[in-house]
C-alpha atoms as a PDB file:
ATOM      1  CA  MET A   1     105.270 128.495  90.250  1.00  0.00           C
ATOM      2  CA  LYS A   2     108.326 126.036  90.021  1.00  0.00           C
ATOM      3  CA  ARG A   3     107.674 123.328  92.769  1.00  0.00           C
ATOM      4  CA  LEU A   4     110.756 120.823  93.890  1.00  0.00           C
ATOM      5  CA  ALA A   5     109.623 117.297  95.727  1.00  0.00           C
ATOM      6  CA  THR A   6     112.632 115.485  97.254  1.00  0.00           C
ATOM      7  CA  CYS A   7     113.015 112.401  99.410  1.00  0.00           C
ATOM      8  CA  CYS A   8     114.253 112.983 102.923  1.00  0.00           C
ATOM      9  CA  CYS A   9     118.260 112.654 101.834  1.00  0.00           C
ATOM     10  CA  GLY A  10     117.679 114.673  98.651  1.00  0.00           C
ATOM     11  CA  GLU A  11     118.837 112.268  96.450  1.00  0.00           C
ATOM     12  CA  LEU A  12     115.391 111.695  94.635  1.00  0.00           C
ATOM     13  CA  LYS A  13     113.640 114.727  93.032  1.00  0.00           C
ATOM     14  CA  ALA A  14     110.570 115.456  91.225  1.00  0.00           C
ATOM     15  CA  ILE A  15     110.217 119.130  89.729  1.00  0.00           C
ATOM     16  CA  THR A  16     107.472 120.649  87.897  1.00  0.00           C
ATOM     17  CA  ASP A  17     106.043 123.992  87.034  1.00  0.00           C
ATOM     18  CA  ALA A  18     102.641 123.173  85.969  1.00  0.00           C
ATOM     19  CA  SER A  19      99.439 123.187  88.008  1.00  0.00           C
ATOM     20  CA  PRO A  20      98.094 119.878  89.318  1.00  0.00           C
ATOM     21  CA  VAL A  21      95.451 118.074  87.205  1.00  0.00           C
ATOM     22  CA  MET A  22      94.092 116.901  90.838  1.00  0.00           C
ATOM     23  CA  VAL A  23      95.105 116.625  94.458  1.00  0.00           C
ATOM     24  CA  ALA A  24      93.237 113.721  96.027  1.00  0.00           C
ATOM     25  CA  LEU A  25      93.120 112.645  99.699  1.00  0.00           C
ATOM     26  CA  CYS A  26      93.202 108.663  99.659  1.00  0.00           C
ATOM     27  CA  HIS A  27      91.945 106.557 102.401  1.00  0.00           C
ATOM     28  CA  CYS A  28      92.592 103.018 100.765  1.00  0.00           C
ATOM     29  CA  ARG A  29      94.434 100.432 102.920  1.00  0.00           C
ATOM     30  CA  SER A  30      97.356 100.376 100.332  1.00  0.00           C
ATOM     31  CA  CYS A  31      97.936 104.402 100.936  1.00  0.00           C
ATOM     32  CA  GLN A  32      97.521 103.895 104.630  1.00  0.00           C
ATOM     33  CA  ARG A  33     100.198 101.003 104.651  1.00  0.00           C
ATOM     34  CA  ARG A  34     102.671 102.910 102.346  1.00  0.00           C
ATOM     35  CA  THR A  35     102.503 106.053 103.954  1.00  0.00           C
ATOM     36  CA  GLY A  36     102.290 104.435 107.569  1.00  0.00           C
ATOM     37  CA  SER A  37      99.350 107.110 108.232  1.00  0.00           C
ATOM     38  CA  ALA A  38      95.819 107.412 107.891  1.00  0.00           C
ATOM     39  CA  PHE A  39      95.790 108.217 104.769  1.00  0.00           C
ATOM     40  CA  GLY A  40      97.880 109.372 101.630  1.00  0.00           C
ATOM     41  CA  VAL A  41      97.701 112.869  99.682  1.00  0.00           C
ATOM     42  CA  ALA A  42      98.774 112.647  95.775  1.00  0.00           C
ATOM     43  CA  VAL A  43      99.292 115.619  93.687  1.00  0.00           C
ATOM     44  CA  LEU A  44      98.743 114.326  90.186  1.00  0.00           C
ATOM     45  CA  PHE A  45     100.346 116.160  87.211  1.00  0.00           C
ATOM     46  CA  ASN A  46     100.500 115.326  83.394  1.00  0.00           C
ATOM     47  CA  SER A  47     103.386 113.066  83.197  1.00  0.00           C
ATOM     48  CA  GLU A  48     105.228 115.307  80.501  1.00  0.00           C
ATOM     49  CA  ASN A  49     105.144 118.278  83.089  1.00  0.00           C
ATOM     50  CA  VAL A  50     107.163 116.529  85.848  1.00  0.00           C
ATOM     51  CA  GLU A  51     111.067 115.999  85.480  1.00  0.00           C
ATOM     52  CA  CYS A  52     112.330 113.411  88.007  1.00  0.00           C
ATOM     53  CA  SER A  53     116.002 112.858  88.622  1.00  0.00           C
ATOM     54  CA  GLY A  54     118.103 110.804  90.976  1.00  0.00           C
ATOM     55  CA  GLN A  55     118.317 107.156  91.320  1.00  0.00           C
ATOM     56  CA  ALA A  56     115.060 105.204  92.061  1.00  0.00           C
ATOM     57  CA  SER A  57     114.042 101.862  93.013  1.00  0.00           C
ATOM     58  CA  SER A  58     110.551 100.983  92.065  1.00  0.00           C
ATOM     59  CA  TYR A  59     107.857  98.725  93.104  1.00  0.00           C
ATOM     60  CA  THR A  60     104.838  97.694  91.447  1.00  0.00           C
ATOM     61  CA  ARG A  61     101.513  96.499  93.209  1.00  0.00           C
ATOM     62  CA  ALA A  62      98.029  96.365  92.538  1.00  0.00           C
ATOM     63  CA  GLY A  63      96.098  99.034  94.154  1.00  0.00           C
ATOM     64  CA  ASP A  64      92.693  98.647  95.878  1.00  0.00           C
ATOM     65  CA  SER A  65      91.030  99.690  92.665  1.00  0.00           C
ATOM     66  CA  GLY A  66      92.753  96.481  90.960  1.00  0.00           C
ATOM     67  CA  HIS A  67      94.767  98.580  88.871  1.00  0.00           C
ATOM     68  CA  ASP A  68      98.637  98.545  89.031  1.00  0.00           C
ATOM     69  CA  VAL A  69     100.592 101.309  90.787  1.00  0.00           C
ATOM     70  CA  THR A  70     104.266 101.774  90.378  1.00  0.00           C
ATOM     71  CA  PHE A  71     106.022 103.531  92.916  1.00  0.00           C
ATOM     72  CA  GLN A  72     109.535 105.413  92.756  1.00  0.00           C
ATOM     73  CA  PHE A  73     111.602 105.456  96.093  1.00  0.00           C
ATOM     74  CA  CYS A  74     114.962 106.558  96.914  1.00  0.00           C
ATOM     75  CA  PRO A  75     117.129 103.412  97.404  1.00  0.00           C
ATOM     76  CA  SER A  76     118.995 105.125 100.310  1.00  0.00           C
ATOM     77  CA  CYS A  77     116.160 106.510 102.581  1.00  0.00           C
ATOM     78  CA  GLY A  78     113.381 104.726 101.388  1.00  0.00           C
ATOM     79  CA  THR A  79     111.103 107.712 100.554  1.00  0.00           C
ATOM     80  CA  THR A  80     108.454 107.319  98.139  1.00  0.00           C
ATOM     81  CA  VAL A  81     108.708 110.493  95.769  1.00  0.00           C
ATOM     82  CA  TYR A  82     106.371 109.740  92.942  1.00  0.00           C
ATOM     83  CA  TRP A  83     104.382 107.036  91.449  1.00  0.00           C
ATOM     84  CA  MET A  84     102.500 106.254  88.149  1.00  0.00           C
ATOM     85  CA  PRO A  85      98.883 104.954  88.830  1.00  0.00           C
ATOM     86  CA  ASP A  86      97.644 102.618  85.721  1.00  0.00           C
ATOM     87  CA  ALA A  87      93.946 103.824  86.827  1.00  0.00           C
ATOM     88  CA  TYR A  88      95.228 107.481  85.592  1.00  0.00           C
ATOM     89  CA  PRO A  89      97.210 107.008  82.264  1.00  0.00           C
ATOM     90  CA  GLY A  90      99.666 109.937  81.406  1.00  0.00           C
ATOM     91  CA  LEU A  91      99.503 110.982  84.865  1.00  0.00           C
ATOM     92  CA  THR A  92     102.377 111.017  87.609  1.00  0.00           C
ATOM     93  CA  ALA A  93     101.546 111.430  91.432  1.00  0.00           C
ATOM     94  CA  VAL A  94     103.925 113.211  93.588  1.00  0.00           C
ATOM     95  CA  GLY A  95     103.543 112.783  97.530  1.00  0.00           C
ATOM     96  CA  LEU A  96     102.293 116.193  98.990  1.00  0.00           C
ATOM     97  CA  GLY A  97     104.806 115.777 101.982  1.00  0.00           C
ATOM     98  CA  CYS A  98     107.766 115.863  99.471  1.00  0.00           C
ATOM     99  CA  PHE A  99     107.181 119.211  98.069  1.00  0.00           C
ATOM    100  CA  GLU A 100     109.451 121.801  99.717  1.00  0.00           C
ATOM    101  CA  ASP A 101     106.620 124.183  99.280  1.00  0.00           C
ATOM    102  CA  ALA A 102     103.177 122.598  99.451  1.00  0.00           C
ATOM    103  CA  SER A 103     101.052 125.928  99.564  1.00  0.00           C
ATOM    104  CA  GLY A 104      98.110 126.152  97.519  1.00  0.00           C
ATOM    105  CA  LEU A 105      98.000 122.087  97.079  1.00  0.00           C
ATOM    106  CA  GLU A 106      94.778 121.358  99.210  1.00  0.00           C
ATOM    107  CA  PRO A 107      92.903 118.102  98.291  1.00  0.00           C
ATOM    108  CA  GLU A 108      89.936 118.574  96.131  1.00  0.00           C
ATOM    109  CA  LYS A 109      88.909 114.902  96.081  1.00  0.00           C
ATOM    110  CA  VAL A 110      88.525 112.468  98.598  1.00  0.00           C
ATOM    111  CA  VAL A 111      89.332 108.546  97.343  1.00  0.00           C
ATOM    112  CA  TYR A 112      88.123 105.362  99.277  1.00  0.00           C
ATOM    113  CA  GLY A 113      86.328 107.794 101.923  1.00  0.00           C
ATOM    114  CA  HIS A 114      84.426 104.696 103.158  1.00  0.00           C
ATOM    115  CA  LEU A 115      87.639 103.391 104.422  1.00  0.00           C
ATOM    116  CA  ARG A 116      88.485 106.441 106.650  1.00  0.00           C
ATOM    117  CA  HIS A 117      89.500 105.952 109.956  1.00  0.00           C
ATOM    118  CA  PRO A 118      86.384 107.200 112.320  1.00  0.00           C
ATOM    119  CA  TRP A 119      88.921 109.454 114.347  1.00  0.00           C
ATOM    120  CA  VAL A 120      89.865 111.219 111.145  1.00  0.00           C
ATOM    121  CA  ASN A 121      88.137 114.579 110.846  1.00  0.00           C
ATOM    122  CA  PHE A 122      88.913 117.792 108.723  1.00  0.00           C
ATOM    123  CA  GLN A 123      87.841 121.332 109.035  1.00  0.00           C
ATOM    124  CA  SER A 124      86.136 121.426 105.973  1.00  0.00           C
ATOM    125  CA  GLU A 125      84.765 118.354 104.063  1.00  0.00           C
ATOM    126  CA  LEU A 126      85.716 117.750 100.213  1.00  0.00           C
END
């Protein structure tokens, strides 16, 4: 199934027809700050299976793990569409909320669960 992920204005895109390697729900403070939410959801693919297009600005920071993460975001609307985590060489992460159709992309792994806000609850435990 071909999947398209875009920023809010549609300028920055990531397209793939591959199955994800992993879908992870992350509660680290860095993801909370990046998303402005209580957690982030990353859909990770082998990098060679993700075609990215459009002008991107990048920002590299150390993640909570101490490994660098390079984020690619739209310079017009600011949406982070995809990123490359050094902790997972050869993988590209795409933000779940950027996909036009995220059906079937349910998180299968929780990262930094010990930093989860106590009021965040899910119907099923991962």
